[in-house]
Amino acid sequence: MASGHTPQRPLPDAKPTPRSREPRGTELGAPWDSRGPRPTVRAHECSSVVDGNFEEVPRETAIQFKPPLYRQRYQFVKNLVDQHEPKKVADLGCGDTSLLRLLKVNPCIELLVGVDINEDKLRWRGDSLAPFMGDFLKPRDLNLTIILYHGSVVERDSRLLGFDLITCIELIEHLDSGDLARFPEVVFGYLSPSMIVISTPNSEFNPLFPSVTLRDSDHKFEWTRMEFQTWALYVANRYDYSVEFTGVGEPPAGAENVGYCTQIGIFQKNGGRATEACVSEQHDQHVYKAVFTTSYPSLQQERFFKLVLVNEVSQQVESLRVSHLPRRKEQDGEQGDKPKDIGGSKAPVPCFGPVFTEVEKAKIENSPKPFCVGDKFFVPLQRLLAYPRLNRLCANEEMMRSVIADSIPLSSDGSAVVTDLCNYFDEQFEF
């Protein structure tokens, strides 16, 4: 998987420890009975890992992680997104939206949703997901909409149907027995995304923390690897998913047998994502309350596409014009007003600009060359389309002409951009 760790299989010799609480709820088909509550003590996540042999580490020494454990979990998800390129992603129990802020820069995501029970936190953190000035100056290729919903993860809302990826990072341990029983039915059965990532504390790691039974006072339970994998395999089998196990948070030397500090299950729907027909058959159920919505500028939006294209064309024309000025002075008086081919045989490679591949250079060199008539400088649209950045924006000459025609002067036949060969600034800087 994206983490680089080898997926783990259920550990046949792993058994519930006295410090861990087994999952409850017969609705999940779990072959266990519920246990009583345990005392709770907080454990902090720090910025480095203890050194030395495990047997030599005093019990009072805090286990530390570098990067911090929460960042490792978020980076794990980001790596997974980079690998699978989902378009629609939802984070259940999104909290302070840290994971959403990390994922919003990914170019493949078009819809990013966060769901949390804490409405105040969602409202407070929503503005951090809004686009900044730089997002308008350099729009994304694809549209991106971000929505934060206030609601419970065990409630059905049809607006979360048809997603490619749903993440539940450090979520399930906060659910009581009733909600834990409903969780698979809602997330795996009803929402049924293509992929689900669930992370939860590994209680086998807890003895390495000083005086820790539960890592947070709100945790209802923490599972051993065997407990989590037994639950995950049962759920995967029931709802037609495959599952692989890995984790983040390496144990210190000498304690490798306890496994990762955070255990992770990666569930993938057998047969791929649900079809649009299946999604459309679901009745609309809108139980969540939208508390924040924002959209990002993109090249799919006409006004931003035009803004970017006009700017790119203007910059390229100006670059070609400036590069011609020294040669023009040498040619003055030799050819009068006769059109002069000033493109040269080689594609320009600016000192501070894009570096072209040999194929790109050849394409530029073989395209129609800029020329001048009198004091006017002409750059054929076909020449502009030979440059990779402009070619990526425009499929053909007609498309470029239709977009820039009312913003940039064109030749009478519309085949070239026209600009003055010299201007005031050239004289000031003695070009």
Protein backbone atom coordinates (compact mmCIF):
# COMPACT_ATOMS: atom_id res chain seq x y z
CA MET A 1 0.00 0.00 0.00
CA ALA A 2 0.95 3.65 -0.03
CA SER A 3 2.55 3.48 3.38
CA GLY A 4 5.25 1.11 2.25
CA HIS A 5 4.39 -1.34 5.03
CA THR A 6 3.66 -4.97 4.32
CA PRO A 7 -0.04 -5.69 5.01
CA GLN A 8 -0.58 -7.76 8.12
CA ARG A 9 -2.83 -10.77 8.48
CA PRO A 10 -4.77 -11.57 11.66
CA LEU A 11 -2.46 -12.73 14.39
CA PRO A 12 -3.64 -16.16 15.60
CA ASP A 13 -1.70 -15.99 18.85
CA ALA A 14 -2.77 -12.45 19.81
CA LYS A 15 -5.26 -12.35 22.65
CA PRO A 16 -7.10 -9.53 24.45
CA THR A 17 -4.87 -7.97 27.07
CA PRO A 18 -6.09 -6.89 30.52
CA ARG A 19 -5.61 -3.29 29.35
CA SER A 20 -7.84 -3.61 26.29
CA ARG A 21 -11.56 -3.71 26.07
CA GLU A 22 -13.19 -6.07 23.61
CA PRO A 23 -15.80 -4.77 21.17
CA ARG A 24 -19.40 -5.04 22.16
CA GLY A 25 -22.67 -5.50 20.32
CA THR A 26 -24.23 -8.73 19.09
CA GLU A 27 -25.60 -6.87 16.06
CA LEU A 28 -22.10 -7.01 14.60
CA GLY A 29 -22.01 -10.76 14.98
CA ALA A 30 -19.05 -10.43 17.31
CA PRO A 31 -18.16 -13.63 19.18
CA TRP A 32 -17.40 -11.81 22.40
CA ASP A 33 -19.12 -10.46 25.48
CA SER A 34 -18.92 -6.89 26.68
CA ARG A 35 -16.53 -5.94 29.43
CA GLY A 36 -16.80 -3.33 32.14
CA PRO A 37 -15.29 0.15 31.85
CA ARG A 38 -11.65 0.81 32.63
CA PRO A 39 -9.90 3.81 34.18
CA THR A 40 -8.54 6.37 31.72
CA VAL A 41 -5.27 8.24 31.64
CA ARG A 42 -4.22 10.54 28.79
CA ALA A 43 -1.13 9.85 26.71
CA HIS A 44 0.47 12.63 24.67
CA GLU A 45 1.94 12.32 21.19
CA CYS A 46 5.36 13.95 20.91
CA SER A 47 7.95 14.58 18.23
CA SER A 48 10.58 11.86 18.43
CA VAL A 49 11.05 8.16 19.13
CA VAL A 50 12.88 6.82 22.14
CA ASP A 51 16.23 5.22 21.46
CA GLY A 52 17.85 2.11 22.83
CA ASN A 53 16.69 -1.37 23.71
CA PHE A 54 13.14 -1.77 24.99
CA GLU A 55 14.21 -3.63 28.11
CA GLU A 56 16.41 -0.68 29.04
CA VAL A 57 13.66 1.95 28.66
CA PRO A 58 12.23 2.91 32.07
CA ARG A 59 8.45 2.66 32.33
CA GLU A 60 8.30 6.36 33.17
CA THR A 61 10.00 7.33 29.88
CA ALA A 62 7.51 8.79 27.41
CA ILE A 63 7.32 7.16 23.99
CA GLN A 64 7.69 9.89 21.41
CA PHE A 65 7.18 9.99 17.66
CA LYS A 66 8.79 11.95 14.88
CA PRO A 67 6.82 13.16 12.97
CA PRO A 68 4.02 13.32 15.55
CA LEU A 69 1.67 10.36 15.34
CA TYR A 70 -1.31 12.35 14.09
CA ARG A 71 0.79 13.65 11.19
CA GLN A 72 1.85 10.13 10.32
CA ARG A 73 -1.81 9.09 10.16
CA TYR A 74 -2.73 12.02 7.91
CA GLN A 75 0.28 11.47 5.67
CA PHE A 76 -0.70 7.82 5.33
CA VAL A 77 -4.10 8.90 3.99
CA LYS A 78 -2.52 11.47 1.68
CA ASN A 79 -0.21 8.83 0.24
CA LEU A 80 -3.22 6.62 -0.38
CA VAL A 81 -5.01 9.47 -2.16
CA ASP A 82 -1.94 10.14 -4.29
CA GLN A 83 -1.88 6.47 -5.26
CA HIS A 84 -5.57 5.89 -6.02
CA GLU A 85 -6.63 9.42 -7.09
CA PRO A 86 -10.21 9.44 -5.75
CA LYS A 87 -12.50 12.24 -6.92
CA LYS A 88 -14.92 12.22 -3.99
CA VAL A 89 -13.49 11.93 -0.46
CA ALA A 90 -15.24 12.17 2.93
CA ASP A 91 -13.64 12.26 6.38
CA LEU A 92 -15.99 11.05 9.11
CA GLY A 93 -15.19 12.53 12.51
CA CYS A 94 -13.14 15.26 10.83
CA GLY A 95 -12.62 17.22 14.09
CA ASP A 96 -10.49 20.31 13.48
CA THR A 97 -10.38 19.54 9.70
CA SER A 98 -6.59 19.03 9.69
CA LEU A 99 -6.84 16.07 7.32
CA LEU A 100 -9.16 17.99 4.98
CA ARG A 101 -6.68 20.88 4.83
CA LEU A 102 -3.95 18.45 3.84
CA LEU A 103 -6.07 16.77 1.16
CA LYS A 104 -7.57 19.88 -0.44
CA VAL A 105 -4.38 20.59 -2.37
CA ASN A 106 -4.58 17.23 -4.13
CA PRO A 107 -5.48 17.93 -7.79
CA CYS A 108 -7.57 14.78 -8.25
CA ILE A 109 -10.19 15.58 -5.59
CA GLU A 110 -13.34 17.35 -6.80
CA LEU A 111 -15.57 16.93 -3.74
CA LEU A 112 -14.18 16.95 -0.19
CA VAL A 113 -16.58 16.43 2.71
CA GLY A 114 -16.10 16.48 6.48
CA VAL A 115 -18.64 15.19 9.02
CA ASP A 116 -18.43 15.79 12.76
CA ILE A 117 -20.73 15.88 15.79
CA ASN A 118 -19.14 19.11 17.07
CA GLU A 119 -20.85 21.94 15.18
CA ASP A 120 -18.94 24.74 16.93
CA LYS A 121 -15.60 23.26 15.90
CA LEU A 122 -16.75 22.93 12.29
CA ARG A 123 -17.86 26.57 12.18
CA TRP A 124 -14.64 27.73 13.80
CA ARG A 125 -12.36 25.80 11.44
CA GLY A 126 -14.38 26.22 8.25
CA ASP A 127 -12.65 29.41 7.11
CA SER A 128 -9.30 27.61 7.04
CA LEU A 129 -10.65 25.57 4.11
CA ALA A 130 -11.63 28.60 2.02
CA PRO A 131 -9.53 29.50 -1.05
CA PHE A 132 -6.69 31.99 -0.62
CA MET A 133 -5.49 34.68 -3.03
CA GLY A 134 -3.00 32.27 -4.57
CA ASP A 135 -5.82 29.90 -5.51
CA PHE A 136 -7.32 32.66 -7.67
CA LEU A 137 -3.99 33.62 -9.23
CA LYS A 138 -3.25 30.01 -10.13
CA PRO A 139 -6.58 28.13 -10.42
CA ARG A 140 -6.81 24.37 -10.13
CA ASP A 141 -7.33 22.22 -13.22
CA LEU A 142 -10.54 20.69 -11.80
CA ASN A 143 -13.38 22.10 -9.74
CA LEU A 144 -13.22 21.54 -5.99
CA THR A 145 -16.12 21.87 -3.58
CA ILE A 146 -15.63 21.48 0.18
CA ILE A 147 -18.59 20.88 2.50
CA LEU A 148 -18.67 20.46 6.28
CA TYR A 149 -21.69 18.67 7.74
CA HIS A 150 -22.81 18.59 11.35
CA GLY A 151 -24.16 15.16 12.18
CA SER A 152 -23.52 11.67 13.51
CA VAL A 153 -21.54 9.13 11.53
CA VAL A 154 -24.18 6.49 12.31
CA GLU A 155 -26.93 8.48 10.58
CA ARG A 156 -27.73 7.94 6.92
CA ASP A 157 -27.40 10.89 4.58
CA SER A 158 -27.76 10.29 0.85
CA ARG A 159 -25.40 13.17 0.01
CA LEU A 160 -22.51 10.88 0.98
CA LEU A 161 -23.48 8.14 -1.47
CA GLY A 162 -21.18 7.27 -4.36
CA PHE A 163 -17.89 8.34 -2.76
CA ASP A 164 -14.55 6.91 -3.82
CA LEU A 165 -12.95 7.10 -0.37
CA ILE A 166 -14.25 7.50 3.17
CA THR A 167 -11.77 7.88 6.04
CA CYS A 168 -12.43 7.22 9.72
CA ILE A 169 -9.25 8.28 11.48
CA GLU A 170 -9.26 7.56 15.23
CA LEU A 171 -13.06 7.48 15.20
CA ILE A 172 -14.50 4.10 16.14
CA GLU A 173 -12.99 4.07 19.64
CA HIS A 174 -15.20 7.08 20.46
CA LEU A 175 -18.41 5.15 19.66
CA ASP A 176 -20.48 3.49 22.38
CA SER A 177 -21.72 -0.06 21.90
CA GLY A 178 -24.95 0.98 20.18
CA ASP A 179 -23.26 3.32 17.72
CA LEU A 180 -20.48 0.81 17.09
CA ALA A 181 -23.13 -1.75 16.13
CA ARG A 182 -24.75 0.68 13.67
CA PHE A 183 -21.49 1.97 12.21
CA PRO A 184 -20.82 -0.87 9.70
CA GLU A 185 -24.43 -0.91 8.54
CA VAL A 186 -24.30 2.81 7.70
CA VAL A 187 -20.74 3.19 6.38
CA PHE A 188 -20.20 -0.19 4.69
CA GLY A 189 -23.79 -1.14 3.92
CA TYR A 190 -25.53 2.13 3.07
CA LEU A 191 -22.74 4.49 1.94
CA SER A 192 -20.70 1.63 0.45
CA PRO A 193 -17.77 3.66 -0.95
CA SER A 194 -15.06 2.14 -3.12
CA MET A 195 -12.51 2.37 -0.29
CA ILE A 196 -12.67 2.87 3.47
CA VAL A 197 -9.71 3.60 5.75
CA ILE A 198 -10.15 3.03 9.48
CA SER A 199 -7.47 3.73 12.06
CA THR A 200 -7.67 3.04 15.79
CA PRO A 201 -5.23 2.75 18.72
CA ASN A 202 -3.44 -0.56 19.21
CA SER A 203 -3.85 -1.34 22.92
CA GLU A 204 -0.87 -3.73 22.84
CA PHE A 205 1.30 -0.61 22.51
CA ASN A 206 -0.18 1.05 25.60
CA PRO A 207 2.13 -0.59 28.20
CA LEU A 208 4.99 1.34 26.57
CA PHE A 209 3.36 4.59 27.69
CA PRO A 210 3.74 5.55 31.37
CA SER A 211 0.58 4.71 33.37
CA VAL A 212 -1.71 4.42 30.35
CA THR A 213 -4.85 2.31 30.09
CA LEU A 214 -6.81 4.39 27.57
CA ARG A 215 -5.16 7.13 25.54
CA ASP A 216 -8.09 9.54 25.80
CA SER A 217 -10.83 9.96 28.37
CA ASP A 218 -13.46 9.84 25.61
CA HIS A 219 -12.35 6.46 24.29
CA LYS A 220 -14.96 3.77 24.95
CA PHE A 221 -12.51 0.97 24.15
CA GLU A 222 -9.11 0.29 22.61
CA TRP A 223 -8.48 -2.97 20.76
CA THR A 224 -5.57 -5.32 20.37
CA ARG A 225 -4.54 -6.22 16.85
CA MET A 226 -6.46 -9.48 17.08
CA GLU A 227 -9.62 -7.73 18.24
CA PHE A 228 -9.49 -5.10 15.51
CA GLN A 229 -8.67 -7.58 12.78
CA THR A 230 -11.40 -9.99 13.88
CA TRP A 231 -13.96 -7.18 13.77
CA ALA A 232 -12.63 -5.84 10.45
CA LEU A 233 -12.63 -9.24 8.74
CA TYR A 234 -16.19 -9.93 9.90
CA VAL A 235 -17.41 -6.56 8.60
CA ALA A 236 -15.50 -6.94 5.31
CA ASN A 237 -16.99 -10.38 4.71
CA ARG A 238 -20.51 -9.24 5.54
CA TYR A 239 -20.47 -6.21 3.22
CA ASP A 240 -18.36 -7.66 0.38
CA TYR A 241 -15.08 -5.84 1.02
CA SER A 242 -11.50 -7.05 1.10
CA VAL A 243 -9.26 -5.70 3.86
CA GLU A 244 -5.54 -5.32 4.48
CA PHE A 245 -3.87 -4.31 7.72
CA THR A 246 -0.95 -2.02 8.41
CA GLY A 247 -0.24 0.93 10.71
CA VAL A 248 1.89 3.90 11.69
CA GLY A 249 3.97 4.66 14.76
CA GLU A 250 6.89 2.24 14.92
CA PRO A 251 7.63 0.71 18.35
CA PRO A 252 11.07 1.28 19.93
CA ALA A 253 13.83 -1.24 19.41
CA GLY A 254 13.21 -4.41 21.35
CA ALA A 255 9.42 -3.97 21.43
CA GLU A 256 8.60 -4.85 17.84
CA ASN A 257 6.23 -7.59 18.98
CA VAL A 258 3.59 -5.05 20.07
CA GLY A 259 3.07 -3.76 16.52
CA TYR A 260 2.30 -0.24 15.37
CA CYS A 261 1.00 2.34 17.82
CA THR A 262 -1.89 3.07 15.43
CA GLN A 263 -3.39 0.13 13.55
CA ILE A 264 -5.03 0.71 10.18
CA GLY A 265 -7.45 -1.28 8.08
CA ILE A 266 -7.77 -0.54 4.36
CA PHE A 267 -11.08 -1.83 2.98
CA GLN A 268 -11.71 -2.05 -0.76
CA LYS A 269 -15.10 -2.82 -2.28
CA ASN A 270 -15.06 -6.05 -4.26
CA GLY A 271 -16.04 -5.22 -7.82
CA GLY A 272 -15.15 -1.53 -7.54
CA ARG A 273 -17.38 1.46 -6.89
CA ALA A 274 -21.17 1.46 -6.82
CA THR A 275 -22.76 2.30 -10.16
CA GLU A 276 -24.60 5.58 -10.65
CA ALA A 277 -27.80 3.60 -11.17
CA CYS A 278 -27.48 2.02 -7.73
CA VAL A 279 -26.84 5.40 -6.15
CA SER A 280 -29.81 7.02 -7.90
CA GLU A 281 -32.13 4.32 -6.57
CA GLN A 282 -31.48 5.47 -2.99
CA HIS A 283 -34.12 7.76 -1.55
CA ASP A 284 -32.93 11.25 -0.63
CA GLN A 285 -32.16 11.45 3.07
CA HIS A 286 -30.73 14.76 4.22
CA VAL A 287 -30.25 14.48 7.96
CA TYR A 288 -26.92 16.32 8.16
CA LYS A 289 -26.76 20.10 8.54
CA ALA A 290 -24.38 21.87 6.17
CA VAL A 291 -22.44 24.43 8.22
CA PHE A 292 -19.77 25.41 5.69
CA THR A 293 -19.49 25.25 1.90
CA THR A 294 -16.86 26.68 -0.42
CA SER A 295 -15.80 26.26 -4.04
CA TYR A 296 -12.36 26.78 -5.56
CA PRO A 297 -11.60 28.58 -8.83
CA SER A 298 -10.59 26.21 -11.61
CA LEU A 299 -9.84 26.05 -15.31
CA GLN A 300 -13.21 24.35 -15.77
CA GLN A 301 -14.82 27.71 -14.99
CA GLU A 302 -14.96 29.95 -18.07
CA ARG A 303 -13.87 33.22 -16.46
CA PHE A 304 -10.84 31.70 -14.74
CA PHE A 305 -9.87 29.72 -17.83
CA LYS A 306 -9.93 32.90 -19.91
CA LEU A 307 -7.94 34.81 -17.29
CA VAL A 308 -5.21 32.16 -17.23
CA LEU A 309 -5.07 31.71 -21.01
CA VAL A 310 -4.89 35.45 -21.74
CA ASN A 311 -2.14 35.83 -19.14
CA GLU A 312 -0.12 32.89 -20.54
CA VAL A 313 -0.44 34.14 -24.12
CA SER A 314 0.58 37.66 -23.12
CA GLN A 315 3.62 36.42 -21.22
CA GLN A 316 4.79 34.19 -24.06
CA VAL A 317 4.34 36.91 -26.68
CA GLU A 318 6.25 39.38 -24.51
CA SER A 319 9.06 36.88 -24.00
CA LEU A 320 9.39 36.37 -27.75
CA ARG A 321 9.23 40.12 -28.43
CA VAL A 322 11.96 40.97 -25.93
CA SER A 323 14.22 38.18 -27.21
CA HIS A 324 13.93 39.63 -30.73
CA LEU A 325 14.86 43.24 -29.94
CA PRO A 326 18.68 42.85 -30.07
CA ARG A 327 18.45 41.05 -33.43
CA ARG A 328 16.08 43.69 -34.79
CA LYS A 329 18.66 46.44 -34.23
CA GLU A 330 21.15 44.48 -36.33
CA GLN A 331 18.61 44.03 -39.13
CA ASP A 332 17.34 47.64 -39.21
CA GLY A 333 17.85 49.31 -42.59
CA GLU A 334 18.57 46.08 -44.45
CA GLN A 335 15.05 44.98 -45.44
CA GLY A 336 12.86 48.08 -45.12
CA ASP A 337 9.24 47.23 -44.41
CA LYS A 338 9.45 43.74 -45.91
CA PRO A 339 8.22 41.05 -43.48
CA LYS A 340 11.17 39.65 -41.58
CA ASP A 341 11.33 36.11 -40.30
CA ILE A 342 12.89 36.63 -36.91
CA GLY A 343 12.03 33.37 -35.22
CA GLY A 344 15.40 31.79 -35.73
CA SER A 345 15.91 28.08 -36.18
CA LYS A 346 16.08 27.22 -32.53
CA ALA A 347 13.48 27.32 -29.80
CA PRO A 348 14.26 29.89 -27.08
CA VAL A 349 15.27 28.45 -23.75
CA PRO A 350 15.12 31.29 -21.20
CA CYS A 351 17.55 31.36 -18.30
CA PHE A 352 14.74 31.65 -15.79
CA GLY A 353 11.77 29.79 -17.22
CA PRO A 354 10.56 26.41 -18.39
CA VAL A 355 13.13 23.87 -19.52
CA PHE A 356 11.97 22.05 -22.64
CA THR A 357 12.57 18.42 -23.55
CA GLU A 358 14.13 17.60 -26.91
CA VAL A 359 10.72 16.64 -28.28
CA GLU A 360 9.21 19.92 -27.08
CA LYS A 361 12.10 21.90 -28.57
CA ALA A 362 11.62 20.18 -31.92
CA LYS A 363 7.90 20.94 -31.89
CA ILE A 364 8.59 24.63 -31.20
CA GLU A 365 11.29 24.85 -33.87
CA ASN A 366 9.01 23.30 -36.49
CA SER A 367 6.11 25.65 -35.77
CA PRO A 368 5.46 28.92 -37.71
CA LYS A 369 7.97 31.54 -36.62
CA PRO A 370 7.24 35.05 -35.29
CA PHE A 371 7.75 37.88 -37.77
CA CYS A 372 7.50 41.65 -37.92
CA VAL A 373 6.06 44.13 -40.39
CA GLY A 374 7.19 47.68 -39.81
CA ASP A 375 6.87 48.40 -36.11
CA LYS A 376 4.45 45.51 -35.49
CA PHE A 377 5.41 42.12 -34.08
CA PHE A 378 3.37 39.03 -35.03
CA VAL A 379 3.31 35.68 -33.21
CA PRO A 380 1.30 32.95 -35.01
CA LEU A 381 -1.20 31.12 -32.83
CA GLN A 382 0.29 27.85 -34.08
CA ARG A 383 3.61 28.97 -32.62
CA LEU A 384 1.99 29.67 -29.26
CA LEU A 385 0.28 26.27 -29.29
CA ALA A 386 3.69 24.62 -29.66
CA TYR A 387 4.63 25.71 -26.14
CA PRO A 388 3.68 23.00 -23.59
CA ARG A 389 1.90 25.25 -21.09
CA LEU A 390 -0.33 26.77 -23.74
CA ASN A 391 -0.86 23.46 -25.50
CA ARG A 392 -2.11 22.01 -22.22
CA LEU A 393 -4.68 24.79 -21.96
CA CYS A 394 -5.88 24.83 -25.58
CA ALA A 395 -6.61 21.93 -27.87
CA ASN A 396 -6.44 23.89 -31.13
CA GLU A 397 -6.04 27.28 -32.79
CA GLU A 398 -9.76 27.93 -33.08
CA MET A 399 -10.27 27.45 -29.37
CA MET A 400 -7.44 29.84 -28.51
CA ARG A 401 -8.70 32.47 -30.95
CA SER A 402 -12.27 32.38 -29.62
CA VAL A 403 -11.12 32.84 -26.01
CA ILE A 404 -8.54 35.62 -26.44
CA ALA A 405 -10.08 37.56 -29.36
CA ASP A 406 -11.72 40.25 -27.21
CA SER A 407 -8.70 40.66 -24.91
CA ILE A 408 -5.61 40.47 -27.14
CA PRO A 409 -5.12 42.16 -30.57
CA LEU A 410 -5.04 39.69 -33.47
CA SER A 411 -4.01 39.98 -37.12
CA SER A 412 -6.70 40.69 -39.71
CA ASP A 413 -7.10 36.99 -40.49
CA GLY A 414 -6.99 36.02 -36.80
CA SER A 415 -4.00 33.73 -37.24
CA ALA A 416 -1.50 35.65 -35.09
CA VAL A 417 -1.21 37.88 -32.04
CA VAL A 418 -0.11 41.43 -32.89
CA THR A 419 1.78 43.80 -30.61
CA ASP A 420 4.08 46.81 -30.92
CA LEU A 421 7.65 45.77 -31.54
CA CYS A 422 9.05 48.49 -29.28
CA ASN A 423 7.62 50.34 -26.32
CA TYR A 424 8.55 52.95 -23.72
CA PHE A 425 10.19 50.45 -21.38
CA ASP A 426 12.50 49.16 -24.11
CA GLU A 427 13.93 52.66 -24.50
CA GLN A 428 14.34 53.07 -20.75
CA PHE A 429 16.28 49.81 -20.46
CA GLU A 430 18.12 50.26 -23.79
CA PHE A 431 17.05 47.06 -25.49
